[in-house]
Amino acid sequence: MNIMAWMIRASRWARNPPPMSRVLLVLGVIAAALLIAGAEWLWGWPEWLKVNRLRPGLPH
């Protein structure tokens, strides 16, 4: 990981920040992912999505 590359990227973002619509889109995607992960953690995985058994001959 090159720290100078990240510093150059940060300076470009400080001079020319992304539009508010892009920021809101990214925050919305992160919120949706956290909501789905939280629901899965709270209620668990649905029984109909679990694998009952693998076909014989397939690697595990």
N, C-alpha and C. Protein backbone atom coordinates (compact mmCIF):
# COMPACT_ATOMS: atom_id res chain seq x y z
N MET A 1 0.84 -1.17 0.00
CA MET A 1 0.00 0.00 0.00
C MET A 1 0.90 1.24 0.00
N ASN A 2 0.73 2.07 -1.00
CA ASN A 2 1.55 3.24 -1.16
C ASN A 2 0.84 4.44 -0.53
N ILE A 3 1.40 4.94 0.56
CA ILE A 3 0.77 6.05 1.29
C ILE A 3 0.77 7.33 0.46
N MET A 4 1.78 7.52 -0.36
CA MET A 4 1.83 8.74 -1.18
C MET A 4 0.72 8.76 -2.22
N ALA A 5 0.38 7.61 -2.77
CA ALA A 5 -0.71 7.54 -3.74
C ALA A 5 -2.04 7.92 -3.07
N TRP A 6 -2.23 7.43 -1.83
CA TRP A 6 -3.46 7.78 -1.11
C TRP A 6 -3.50 9.27 -0.75
N MET A 7 -2.35 9.83 -0.43
CA MET A 7 -2.30 11.27 -0.11
C MET A 7 -2.60 12.11 -1.35
N ILE A 8 -2.11 11.71 -2.50
CA ILE A 8 -2.40 12.42 -3.75
C ILE A 8 -3.88 12.33 -4.06
N ARG A 9 -4.46 11.13 -3.88
CA ARG A 9 -5.90 10.96 -4.12
C ARG A 9 -6.72 11.83 -3.17
N ALA A 10 -6.32 11.87 -1.90
CA ALA A 10 -7.04 12.69 -0.92
C ALA A 10 -6.94 14.17 -1.27
N SER A 11 -5.79 14.61 -1.76
CA SER A 11 -5.66 16.02 -2.12
C SER A 11 -6.52 16.36 -3.34
N ARG A 12 -6.63 15.41 -4.28
CA ARG A 12 -7.52 15.65 -5.44
C ARG A 12 -8.98 15.74 -5.00
N TRP A 13 -9.37 14.84 -4.07
CA TRP A 13 -10.75 14.88 -3.58
C TRP A 13 -11.03 16.17 -2.81
N ALA A 14 -10.02 16.68 -2.09
CA ALA A 14 -10.21 17.93 -1.34
C ALA A 14 -10.38 19.11 -2.29
N ARG A 15 -9.66 19.09 -3.41
CA ARG A 15 -9.78 20.17 -4.38
C ARG A 15 -11.01 20.05 -5.26
N ASN A 16 -11.44 18.82 -5.55
CA ASN A 16 -12.56 18.60 -6.44
C ASN A 16 -13.43 17.47 -5.86
N PRO A 17 -14.27 17.79 -4.85
CA PRO A 17 -15.05 16.74 -4.19
C PRO A 17 -16.11 16.15 -5.13
N PRO A 18 -16.54 14.91 -4.85
CA PRO A 18 -17.57 14.30 -5.69
C PRO A 18 -18.91 15.01 -5.49
N PRO A 19 -19.81 14.91 -6.45
CA PRO A 19 -21.12 15.55 -6.30
C PRO A 19 -21.91 14.92 -5.15
N MET A 20 -22.83 15.69 -4.58
CA MET A 20 -23.62 15.23 -3.44
C MET A 20 -24.45 14.00 -3.81
N SER A 21 -24.90 13.92 -5.06
CA SER A 21 -25.70 12.76 -5.46
C SER A 21 -24.87 11.47 -5.39
N ARG A 22 -23.59 11.53 -5.74
CA ARG A 22 -22.72 10.35 -5.66
C ARG A 22 -22.48 9.97 -4.20
N VAL A 23 -22.29 10.97 -3.34
CA VAL A 23 -22.09 10.70 -1.92
C VAL A 23 -23.33 10.04 -1.34
N LEU A 24 -24.50 10.54 -1.68
CA LEU A 24 -25.74 9.96 -1.18
C LEU A 24 -25.96 8.55 -1.72
N LEU A 25 -25.59 8.31 -2.96
CA LEU A 25 -25.70 6.98 -3.53
C LEU A 25 -24.82 5.99 -2.78
N VAL A 26 -23.58 6.35 -2.52
CA VAL A 26 -22.66 5.47 -1.79
C VAL A 26 -23.17 5.22 -0.38
N LEU A 27 -23.63 6.25 0.30
CA LEU A 27 -24.18 6.08 1.65
C LEU A 27 -25.43 5.21 1.64
N GLY A 28 -26.26 5.32 0.60
CA GLY A 28 -27.45 4.49 0.49
C GLY A 28 -27.10 3.02 0.28
N VAL A 29 -26.09 2.75 -0.54
CA VAL A 29 -25.66 1.37 -0.77
C VAL A 29 -25.09 0.78 0.51
N ILE A 30 -24.30 1.55 1.24
CA ILE A 30 -23.73 1.07 2.50
C ILE A 30 -24.84 0.81 3.51
N ALA A 31 -25.83 1.70 3.59
CA ALA A 31 -26.94 1.52 4.52
C ALA A 31 -27.76 0.28 4.17
N ALA A 32 -28.00 0.04 2.88
CA ALA A 32 -28.75 -1.14 2.46
C ALA A 32 -27.99 -2.42 2.81
N ALA A 33 -26.68 -2.42 2.60
CA ALA A 33 -25.88 -3.61 2.93
C ALA A 33 -25.89 -3.87 4.43
N LEU A 34 -25.79 -2.81 5.23
CA LEU A 34 -25.84 -2.99 6.68
C LEU A 34 -27.22 -3.46 7.14
N LEU A 35 -28.26 -2.97 6.49
CA LEU A 35 -29.62 -3.40 6.83
C LEU A 35 -29.82 -4.88 6.53
N ILE A 36 -29.36 -5.33 5.38
CA ILE A 36 -29.48 -6.75 5.01
C ILE A 36 -28.65 -7.61 5.96
N ALA A 37 -27.43 -7.19 6.27
CA ALA A 37 -26.58 -7.96 7.18
C ALA A 37 -27.18 -8.01 8.58
N GLY A 38 -27.76 -6.89 9.02
CA GLY A 38 -28.40 -6.87 10.33
C GLY A 38 -29.62 -7.77 10.39
N ALA A 39 -30.42 -7.78 9.35
CA ALA A 39 -31.60 -8.66 9.32
C ALA A 39 -31.17 -10.12 9.30
N GLU A 40 -30.12 -10.45 8.57
CA GLU A 40 -29.63 -11.82 8.54
C GLU A 40 -29.09 -12.22 9.90
N TRP A 41 -28.40 -11.32 10.58
CA TRP A 41 -27.86 -11.62 11.91
C TRP A 41 -28.98 -11.77 12.93
N LEU A 42 -30.02 -10.94 12.82
CA LEU A 42 -31.11 -10.95 13.80
C LEU A 42 -32.01 -12.16 13.62
N TRP A 43 -32.43 -12.45 12.40
CA TRP A 43 -33.39 -13.51 12.16
C TRP A 43 -32.77 -14.77 11.58
N GLY A 44 -31.55 -14.73 11.16
CA GLY A 44 -30.90 -15.91 10.59
C GLY A 44 -31.21 -16.08 9.12
N TRP A 45 -30.63 -17.11 8.57
CA TRP A 45 -30.79 -17.40 7.14
C TRP A 45 -32.06 -18.20 6.94
N PRO A 46 -32.86 -17.90 5.92
CA PRO A 46 -34.09 -18.67 5.69
C PRO A 46 -33.79 -20.15 5.43
N GLU A 47 -34.65 -21.01 5.94
CA GLU A 47 -34.45 -22.44 5.79
C GLU A 47 -34.45 -22.88 4.33
N TRP A 48 -35.25 -22.22 3.50
CA TRP A 48 -35.34 -22.62 2.10
C TRP A 48 -34.11 -22.22 1.29
N LEU A 49 -33.22 -21.41 1.85
CA LEU A 49 -31.99 -21.04 1.15
C LEU A 49 -30.79 -21.87 1.59
N LYS A 50 -30.96 -22.72 2.60
CA LYS A 50 -29.85 -23.53 3.08
C LYS A 50 -29.65 -24.74 2.17
N VAL A 51 -28.40 -25.20 2.08
CA VAL A 51 -28.07 -26.37 1.28
C VAL A 51 -28.32 -27.60 2.15
N ASN A 52 -29.17 -28.51 1.69
CA ASN A 52 -29.45 -29.71 2.45
C ASN A 52 -28.34 -30.74 2.30
N ARG A 53 -27.92 -30.99 1.07
CA ARG A 53 -26.83 -31.92 0.82
C ARG A 53 -26.22 -31.58 -0.54
N LEU A 54 -24.98 -31.93 -0.69
CA LEU A 54 -24.31 -31.75 -1.97
C LEU A 54 -24.45 -33.02 -2.80
N ARG A 55 -24.41 -32.86 -4.10
CA ARG A 55 -24.44 -34.04 -4.96
C ARG A 55 -23.16 -34.85 -4.77
N PRO A 56 -23.25 -36.17 -4.82
CA PRO A 56 -22.02 -36.97 -4.66
C PRO A 56 -21.04 -36.70 -5.81
N GLY A 57 -19.78 -36.75 -5.48
CA GLY A 57 -18.74 -36.57 -6.49
C GLY A 57 -18.26 -35.14 -6.62
N LEU A 58 -18.95 -34.19 -6.01
CA LEU A 58 -18.51 -32.80 -6.07
C LEU A 58 -17.54 -32.53 -4.91
N PRO A 59 -16.54 -31.72 -5.15
CA PRO A 59 -15.62 -31.40 -4.04
C PRO A 59 -16.33 -30.54 -3.01
N HIS A 60 -15.95 -30.70 -1.78
CA HIS A 60 -16.61 -29.97 -0.69
C HIS A 60 -15.95 -28.64 -0.49
